[in-house]
Protein backbone atom coordinates (compact mmCIF):
# COMPACT_ATOMS: atom_id res chain seq x y z
CA MET A 1 -0.08 0.02 -0.03
CA GLU A 2 1.25 3.51 -0.91
CA LEU A 3 1.16 5.65 2.32
CA GLY A 4 1.90 9.02 0.46
CA LEU A 5 4.55 10.12 3.04
CA LYS A 6 7.46 10.48 0.79
CA GLY A 7 8.85 13.92 1.06
CA LYS A 8 6.32 14.86 3.83
CA SER A 9 7.73 16.27 7.29
CA ALA A 10 7.08 14.62 10.75
CA ILE A 11 7.80 15.41 14.45
CA VAL A 12 7.74 12.77 16.89
CA THR A 13 8.48 13.74 20.62
CA GLY A 14 10.17 11.15 22.82
CA GLY A 15 11.63 9.55 19.71
CA SER A 16 14.94 8.42 21.06
CA ARG A 17 14.04 4.83 21.97
CA GLY A 18 11.24 2.09 22.09
CA ILE A 19 8.01 3.14 20.44
CA GLY A 20 8.75 6.70 19.47
CA LEU A 21 11.86 5.54 17.96
CA ALA A 22 10.35 2.99 16.01
CA ILE A 23 7.67 5.46 14.79
CA ALA A 24 10.32 7.50 13.55
CA GLU A 25 12.22 4.73 11.90
CA THR A 26 9.07 3.75 10.11
CA LEU A 27 8.15 7.34 8.98
CA ALA A 28 11.65 7.72 7.66
CA ARG A 29 11.40 4.44 5.79
CA GLU A 30 8.29 5.59 4.05
CA GLY A 31 10.23 8.53 2.79
CA ALA A 32 9.16 11.00 5.31
CA ASN A 33 11.70 13.69 6.64
CA VAL A 34 11.72 13.54 10.51
CA SER A 35 12.28 15.43 13.63
CA ILE A 36 12.71 13.78 17.07
CA CYS A 37 13.20 15.07 20.79
CA ALA A 38 14.28 13.39 23.63
CA ARG A 39 16.15 14.56 27.25
CA ASN A 40 18.91 12.22 26.67
CA ALA A 41 21.51 13.57 24.59
CA GLU A 42 23.45 10.38 24.06
CA GLN A 43 20.23 8.24 23.31
CA LEU A 44 19.03 11.17 20.89
CA GLU A 45 22.29 11.05 18.83
CA LYS A 46 22.28 7.08 18.51
CA ALA A 47 18.53 7.58 17.38
CA SER A 48 19.28 10.13 14.92
CA SER A 49 22.12 7.91 13.46
CA ALA A 50 19.49 4.74 12.99
CA ILE A 51 17.00 7.17 11.20
CA SER A 52 19.11 8.77 8.83
CA LYS A 53 20.22 5.30 7.40
CA HIS A 54 16.83 5.53 5.77
CA GLY A 55 17.71 8.38 3.59
CA SER A 56 15.64 11.01 4.81
CA LYS A 57 16.40 14.50 6.42
CA VAL A 58 16.61 13.96 10.15
CA HIS A 59 16.52 16.79 12.76
CA SER A 60 17.00 16.20 16.47
CA GLU A 61 16.82 18.61 19.43
CA VAL A 62 17.33 17.79 23.25
CA CYS A 63 14.08 19.14 24.96
CA ASP A 64 12.16 18.44 27.99
CA VAL A 65 8.52 18.66 26.75
CA ALA A 66 7.35 19.58 29.98
CA SER A 67 8.64 23.01 29.81
CA PRO A 68 6.10 24.97 27.62
CA GLU A 69 8.93 27.26 26.50
CA ALA A 70 11.36 24.48 25.44
CA LEU A 71 8.74 22.62 23.61
CA GLU A 72 7.69 25.64 21.74
CA ALA A 73 10.96 26.29 20.56
CA TYR A 74 11.70 22.69 19.45
CA ILE A 75 8.84 22.63 17.52
CA GLN A 76 9.44 25.95 15.72
CA GLY A 77 13.06 24.51 15.21
CA ALA A 78 11.96 21.42 13.78
CA HIS A 79 9.50 23.10 11.20
CA THR A 80 12.24 25.09 10.26
CA ALA A 81 14.87 22.46 9.91
CA LEU A 82 12.50 20.29 8.06
CA GLY A 83 10.90 23.00 5.74
CA GLY A 84 7.42 22.53 6.98
CA LEU A 85 5.21 19.93 9.00
CA ASP A 86 2.38 17.55 7.93
CA VAL A 87 2.70 15.06 10.86
CA LEU A 88 2.79 15.45 14.56
CA VAL A 89 3.22 12.54 16.73
CA ASN A 90 2.77 12.89 20.59
CA ASN A 91 4.74 10.14 21.98
CA ALA A 92 6.31 11.48 25.06
CA SER A 93 5.31 9.90 28.38
CA ALA A 94 6.66 10.19 31.96
CA PHE A 95 4.83 7.24 32.90
CA GLY A 96 3.53 8.48 36.33
CA ARG A 97 2.77 5.49 38.48
CA SER A 98 2.63 6.80 41.91
CA ASP A 99 -0.85 7.86 43.30
CA ASP A 100 1.02 11.03 44.94
CA GLU A 101 1.85 14.68 43.68
CA ASN A 102 4.74 13.77 41.68
CA GLY A 103 2.96 11.03 39.72
CA TRP A 104 0.33 13.13 38.74
CA ARG A 105 2.08 16.30 38.01
CA THR A 106 4.80 14.66 35.69
CA SER A 107 1.93 12.60 33.80
CA ILE A 108 -0.33 16.06 33.41
CA ASP A 109 2.96 17.98 32.39
CA VAL A 110 4.31 15.25 29.76
CA ASP A 111 1.73 12.91 28.67
CA LEU A 112 -1.28 15.53 28.59
CA MET A 113 -0.23 19.19 28.66
CA ALA A 114 2.85 18.40 26.21
CA SER A 115 0.50 17.01 23.67
CA VAL A 116 -1.92 19.72 24.34
CA ARG A 117 1.09 22.46 23.90
CA ALA A 118 2.54 20.61 20.61
CA SER A 119 -0.63 20.74 18.83
CA TRP A 120 -1.21 23.88 19.74
CA ALA A 121 2.29 25.16 18.09
CA ALA A 122 1.76 22.59 15.40
CA THR A 123 -1.59 23.30 14.07
CA PRO A 124 -0.86 26.65 12.32
CA MET A 125 2.00 24.75 10.56
CA LEU A 126 -0.28 21.86 9.55
CA GLU A 127 -2.82 24.34 8.10
CA ALA A 128 -0.28 26.15 6.21
CA ALA A 129 0.64 22.83 4.60
CA GLY A 130 -2.88 22.37 3.34
CA GLY A 131 -3.86 20.13 6.25
CA GLY A 132 -2.05 16.99 7.89
CA ALA A 133 -2.38 14.62 10.68
CA ILE A 134 -1.93 14.32 14.70
CA VAL A 135 -1.47 11.22 16.39
CA HIS A 136 -1.25 10.92 19.93
CA ILE A 137 0.13 7.93 21.74
CA SER A 138 -2.07 6.50 24.71
CA SER A 139 -2.51 3.34 26.35
CA ILE A 140 -5.01 0.53 26.91
CA SER A 141 -4.73 1.71 30.53
CA GLY A 142 -6.93 4.57 29.70
CA PHE A 143 -9.92 2.13 28.91
CA GLY A 144 -10.26 1.27 32.46
CA ALA A 145 -9.33 1.06 35.99
CA SER A 146 -5.52 0.89 36.82
CA THR A 147 -4.74 0.46 40.39
CA ARG A 148 -1.06 -0.08 39.62
CA THR A 149 -0.77 3.38 37.77
CA PRO A 150 -3.46 5.72 38.53
CA PRO A 151 -2.34 8.84 37.10
CA TYR A 152 -0.83 7.06 33.96
CA ALA A 153 -4.02 5.44 33.15
CA ALA A 154 -6.29 8.82 34.06
CA ILE A 155 -4.16 11.02 31.60
CA LYS A 156 -4.27 8.59 28.94
CA ALA A 157 -8.00 8.46 29.08
CA THR A 158 -7.98 12.01 29.06
CA LEU A 159 -5.80 12.21 25.82
CA MET A 160 -8.44 9.77 24.32
CA GLN A 161 -11.27 12.19 24.84
CA TYR A 162 -8.96 15.17 23.72
CA THR A 163 -8.39 13.14 20.54
CA GLN A 164 -12.08 13.38 19.89
CA THR A 165 -12.49 17.04 20.69
CA GLN A 166 -9.38 18.06 18.58
CA ALA A 167 -10.72 16.00 15.51
CA LEU A 168 -14.03 18.07 15.31
CA ASP A 169 -12.26 21.21 16.09
CA LEU A 170 -10.10 20.98 13.37
CA ALA A 171 -11.60 19.17 10.77
CA ALA A 172 -12.47 22.49 8.85
CA LYS A 173 -8.64 23.05 8.71
CA ASN A 174 -8.31 19.64 6.95
CA ILE A 175 -6.41 18.26 9.96
CA ARG A 176 -7.10 14.61 11.24
CA VAL A 177 -6.46 13.43 14.77
CA ASN A 178 -6.34 10.18 16.13
CA CYS A 179 -5.08 8.21 19.01
CA VAL A 180 -3.19 4.83 19.22
CA ALA A 181 -3.53 2.93 22.34
CA PRO A 182 -0.61 0.25 22.75
CA GLY A 183 -0.76 -2.63 25.09
CA SER A 184 2.10 -4.14 26.87
CA ILE A 185 5.29 -3.55 24.60
CA TYR A 186 8.65 -5.10 25.20
CA PHE A 187 12.05 -3.26 24.37
CA LYS A 188 15.31 -3.43 25.66
CA GLY A 189 15.41 -0.68 28.50
CA GLY A 190 11.60 -0.63 28.66
CA THR A 191 9.03 -0.85 31.26
CA TRP A 192 8.50 -4.74 30.44
CA ASP A 193 12.27 -5.39 30.21
CA ASP A 194 12.76 -3.86 33.86
CA ALA A 195 10.01 -5.98 34.83
CA GLU A 196 11.31 -9.03 33.65
CA GLN A 197 14.58 -8.43 35.55
CA ASN A 198 12.90 -7.01 38.92
CA ASN A 199 9.20 -8.06 39.19
CA LYS A 200 9.20 -11.59 37.42
CA PRO A 201 5.36 -12.35 39.03
CA LEU A 202 4.06 -8.93 37.43
CA PHE A 203 6.08 -9.70 34.07
CA ASP A 204 4.62 -13.32 33.97
CA GLY A 205 1.11 -12.13 35.14
CA ILE A 206 1.05 -9.75 32.11
CA LEU A 207 2.22 -12.13 29.62
CA LYS A 208 -0.48 -14.67 30.65
CA SER A 209 -3.14 -12.14 29.97
CA ILE A 210 -1.93 -11.71 26.29
CA PRO A 211 -3.92 -14.09 24.04
CA HIS A 212 -1.35 -14.57 21.73
CA GLY A 213 1.20 -15.48 24.17
CA ARG A 214 3.74 -12.45 23.61
CA PHE A 215 4.13 -9.02 24.37
CA GLY A 216 4.02 -6.59 21.60
CA THR A 217 6.76 -4.76 19.80
CA PRO A 218 7.36 -1.03 19.16
CA GLU A 219 7.39 -1.72 15.47
CA GLU A 220 3.70 -2.95 15.79
CA VAL A 221 2.83 0.22 17.11
CA ALA A 222 4.58 2.06 14.70
CA ASP A 223 3.10 0.44 11.81
CA LEU A 224 -0.43 1.55 12.91
CA THR A 225 0.72 5.11 13.85
CA VAL A 226 2.32 5.86 10.59
CA TYR A 227 -0.73 4.44 8.77
CA LEU A 228 -3.04 6.83 10.72
CA ALA A 229 -0.46 9.60 9.96
CA SER A 230 -0.77 8.98 6.24
CA ASP A 231 -3.01 9.50 3.40
CA ALA A 232 -4.05 6.00 3.37
CA ALA A 233 -6.19 6.80 6.42
CA ARG A 234 -7.12 10.09 5.10
CA TRP A 235 -11.00 9.49 6.03
CA VAL A 236 -10.06 8.26 9.45
CA THR A 237 -10.41 10.84 12.29
CA GLY A 238 -11.31 10.81 15.98
CA GLN A 239 -10.19 7.51 16.77
CA THR A 240 -8.57 5.77 19.17
CA VAL A 241 -7.27 2.33 18.24
CA ALA A 242 -5.88 -0.31 20.62
CA VAL A 243 -2.92 -2.41 19.51
CA ASP A 244 -2.41 -5.10 22.34
CA GLY A 245 -2.98 -8.52 20.77
CA GLY A 246 -6.25 -9.16 22.35
CA GLN A 247 -5.05 -8.04 25.99
CA MET A 248 -8.00 -6.13 26.83
CA LEU A 249 -10.00 -9.31 25.96
């Protein structure tokens, strides 16, 4: 299937590892120019090198997306470096687990408000390009109760609702907005890699809950995300799509 992304420009926040890196690489593989940001300079440099192997233009910048000023400057810089903007993927997450002030604050600042603020900054750019796509990365945790990660789940649910509001609000500007809700995704250095090493009962319990008998991969989330960002999904907006191997079932 031709996705129509060749020559387009895309921003992926939190793009230095895991799901974000897989999305950025998939976009580049489809011919899109890509900008990524993250807080860790070393990881960002390695990610940029990996993405550049696909032959597209790559821009990267160290950025704490929880800072409104830093995020605004990054979006503006990426737009300039790429020569335009067609796709915004809000992937950065603080993964706030603890039901306390810090857990809620980081979830609100990174998972929610960074997505909102990045959208504010990007919308005029997408409109100037004749339209485009915003994709938020949420989680299946947002579909129901989560005693293990209360702030994370609540904020991811909020992101799903905001997706619908944005989709309706931005339709007249020819900007589509969708949301991807991954299930449990395994990659080295990620949450489930850590659980496998340090919390085997949790790891085994989650694995047992997935009908297909394995964790998902970042690439499987990336494939759906890039499809939703592409012209192939030009009549899809306001949707939250789970990619979880039937885990919610």
